[in-house]
Structure formats: structure tokens, C-alpha cells
Amino acid sequence: SIGLDVPDQTLHTEIDRSMPVLRDAYLRNLMAFTANSVRTDEQPDVAMIAGRLQAVTDRALKRKGAKVLLGQVALRIIK
């Protein structure tokens, strides 16, 4: 689970409008990360995931100011 800490009200309004773009960017980035870096026999690197999501957020918003908060990271193995 993920959340964003956005103290700036103007940026908060912009993020509300940008959520579809952010969600798409998060999913695309995590799918690429999972395909290339995650092994089912090892715990995923939570710090790396948080860093990737923060970079995606900053890039999509074209500025800093929204802090990514991870609540939970889980792997679901489909057989």
C-alpha cells in the first residue's frame, strides 16, 4: 500500500487531478522492477521500491514536494 504526504495545498490539488497518471506510472515502474529485479525466494528491497516510487512521483509532477509513504510491500506468487 502506498500513500503520499503532501503538505502544500496547491500541490495537493494538482495531485488529486494527476492521480490517474501517477497510478499508471507507479504500475508501469513496479511491473518493470518486478520483472527484472524481484526474486520469489528473497524479500524485495523496500528502500529501493520507495526510491523508485519517489522518483516516479517527482518526475510525473515535474517537481518535488510530495513524499511517498509505503505502508506495506507484499509478493503474490501466482502458480
C-alpha atoms as a PDB file:
ATOM      1  CA  SER A   1       0.000   0.000   0.000  1.00  0.00           C
ATOM      2  CA  ILE A   2       1.181   3.492  -0.795  1.00  0.00           C
ATOM      3  CA  GLY A   3       0.259   6.987   0.227  1.00  0.00           C
ATOM      4  CA  LEU A   4       1.503  10.488  -0.414  1.00  0.00           C
ATOM      5  CA  ASP A   5       2.294  13.114   2.204  1.00  0.00           C
ATOM      6  CA  VAL A   6       1.552  16.472   0.582  1.00  0.00           C
ATOM      7  CA  PRO A   7       1.733  19.452   2.954  1.00  0.00           C
ATOM      8  CA  ASP A   8       1.345  22.068   0.165  1.00  0.00           C
ATOM      9  CA  GLN A   9      -2.380  22.577  -0.597  1.00  0.00           C
ATOM     10  CA  THR A  10      -1.711  23.752  -4.167  1.00  0.00           C
ATOM     11  CA  LEU A  11       0.323  20.623  -4.882  1.00  0.00           C
ATOM     12  CA  HIS A  12      -2.323  18.504  -3.150  1.00  0.00           C
ATOM     13  CA  THR A  13      -4.954  19.819  -5.586  1.00  0.00           C
ATOM     14  CA  GLU A  14      -2.642  19.101  -8.523  1.00  0.00           C
ATOM     15  CA  ILE A  15      -2.045  15.545  -7.276  1.00  0.00           C
ATOM     16  CA  ASP A  16      -5.786  14.929  -6.993  1.00  0.00           C
ATOM     17  CA  ARG A  17      -6.080  15.754 -10.695  1.00  0.00           C
ATOM     18  CA  SER A  18      -2.941  13.764 -11.562  1.00  0.00           C
ATOM     19  CA  MET A  19      -3.791  10.512  -9.743  1.00  0.00           C
ATOM     20  CA  PRO A  20      -4.651   8.520 -12.901  1.00  0.00           C
ATOM     21  CA  VAL A  21      -1.258   9.470 -14.386  1.00  0.00           C
ATOM     22  CA  LEU A  22       0.539   8.683 -11.130  1.00  0.00           C
ATOM     23  CA  ARG A  23      -1.166   5.305 -10.730  1.00  0.00           C
ATOM     24  CA  ASP A  24      -0.264   4.355 -14.294  1.00  0.00           C
ATOM     25  CA  ALA A  25       3.345   5.443 -13.775  1.00  0.00           C
ATOM     26  CA  TYR A  26       3.565   3.509 -10.492  1.00  0.00           C
ATOM     27  CA  LEU A  27       2.185   0.320 -12.036  1.00  0.00           C
ATOM     28  CA  ARG A  28       4.423   0.504 -15.097  1.00  0.00           C
ATOM     29  CA  ASN A  29       7.509   1.150 -12.992  1.00  0.00           C
ATOM     30  CA  LEU A  30       6.750  -1.606 -10.490  1.00  0.00           C
ATOM     31  CA  MET A  31       5.961  -4.105 -13.245  1.00  0.00           C
ATOM     32  CA  ALA A  32       9.353  -3.434 -14.856  1.00  0.00           C
ATOM     33  CA  PHE A  33      11.068  -3.620 -11.457  1.00  0.00           C
ATOM     34  CA  THR A  34       9.331  -6.886 -10.613  1.00  0.00           C
ATOM     35  CA  ALA A  35      10.182  -8.482 -13.951  1.00  0.00           C
ATOM     36  CA  ASN A  36      13.853  -7.561 -13.694  1.00  0.00           C
ATOM     37  CA  SER A  37      14.768  -7.397 -10.016  1.00  0.00           C
ATOM     38  CA  VAL A  38      12.426  -9.336  -7.751  1.00  0.00           C
ATOM     39  CA  ARG A  39      13.137 -12.943  -6.888  1.00  0.00           C
ATOM     40  CA  THR A  40      10.450 -15.034  -5.255  1.00  0.00           C
ATOM     41  CA  ASP A  41      12.941 -16.571  -2.829  1.00  0.00           C
ATOM     42  CA  GLU A  42      14.124 -13.199  -1.438  1.00  0.00           C
ATOM     43  CA  GLN A  43      12.456 -10.320   0.347  1.00  0.00           C
ATOM     44  CA  PRO A  44      12.063  -7.323  -2.007  1.00  0.00           C
ATOM     45  CA  ASP A  45      14.236  -4.277  -1.282  1.00  0.00           C
ATOM     46  CA  VAL A  46      11.690  -1.894   0.256  1.00  0.00           C
ATOM     47  CA  ALA A  47      14.100   1.068   0.238  1.00  0.00           C
ATOM     48  CA  MET A  48      14.707   0.577  -3.480  1.00  0.00           C
ATOM     49  CA  ILE A  49      10.962   0.378  -4.162  1.00  0.00           C
ATOM     50  CA  ALA A  50      10.340   3.563  -2.157  1.00  0.00           C
ATOM     51  CA  GLY A  51      13.127   5.332  -4.026  1.00  0.00           C
ATOM     52  CA  ARG A  52      11.757   4.276  -7.397  1.00  0.00           C
ATOM     53  CA  LEU A  53       8.242   5.413  -6.491  1.00  0.00           C
ATOM     54  CA  GLN A  54       9.577   8.737  -5.184  1.00  0.00           C
ATOM     55  CA  ALA A  55      11.460   9.307  -8.454  1.00  0.00           C
ATOM     56  CA  VAL A  56       8.330   8.437 -10.453  1.00  0.00           C
ATOM     57  CA  THR A  57       6.284  10.874  -8.350  1.00  0.00           C
ATOM     58  CA  ASP A  58       8.766  13.729  -8.727  1.00  0.00           C
ATOM     59  CA  ARG A  59       9.083  13.128 -12.472  1.00  0.00           C
ATOM     60  CA  ALA A  60       5.317  12.903 -13.068  1.00  0.00           C
ATOM     61  CA  LEU A  61       4.636  16.074 -11.074  1.00  0.00           C
ATOM     62  CA  LYS A  62       7.701  17.831 -12.532  1.00  0.00           C
ATOM     63  CA  ARG A  63       8.691  18.945  -9.029  1.00  0.00           C
ATOM     64  CA  LYS A  64       9.358  17.737  -5.516  1.00  0.00           C
ATOM     65  CA  GLY A  65       7.041  18.230  -2.564  1.00  0.00           C
ATOM     66  CA  ALA A  66       5.028  15.007  -2.321  1.00  0.00           C
ATOM     67  CA  LYS A  67       6.659  12.356  -0.127  1.00  0.00           C
ATOM     68  CA  VAL A  68       5.924   8.710  -0.915  1.00  0.00           C
ATOM     69  CA  LEU A  69       4.870   6.644   2.103  1.00  0.00           C
ATOM     70  CA  LEU A  70       4.885   2.846   1.892  1.00  0.00           C
ATOM     71  CA  GLY A  71       2.507   1.074   4.229  1.00  0.00           C
ATOM     72  CA  GLN A  72       3.060  -2.468   3.039  1.00  0.00           C
ATOM     73  CA  VAL A  73       5.057  -4.387   0.435  1.00  0.00           C
ATOM     74  CA  ALA A  74       3.953  -7.917  -0.389  1.00  0.00           C
ATOM     75  CA  LEU A  75       4.647 -10.505  -3.054  1.00  0.00           C
ATOM     76  CA  ARG A  76       1.884 -12.569  -4.532  1.00  0.00           C
ATOM     77  CA  ILE A  77       3.162 -15.641  -6.315  1.00  0.00           C
ATOM     78  CA  ILE A  78       0.812 -16.963  -8.954  1.00  0.00           C
ATOM     79  CA  LYS A  79       1.288 -20.585  -9.920  1.00  0.00           C
END
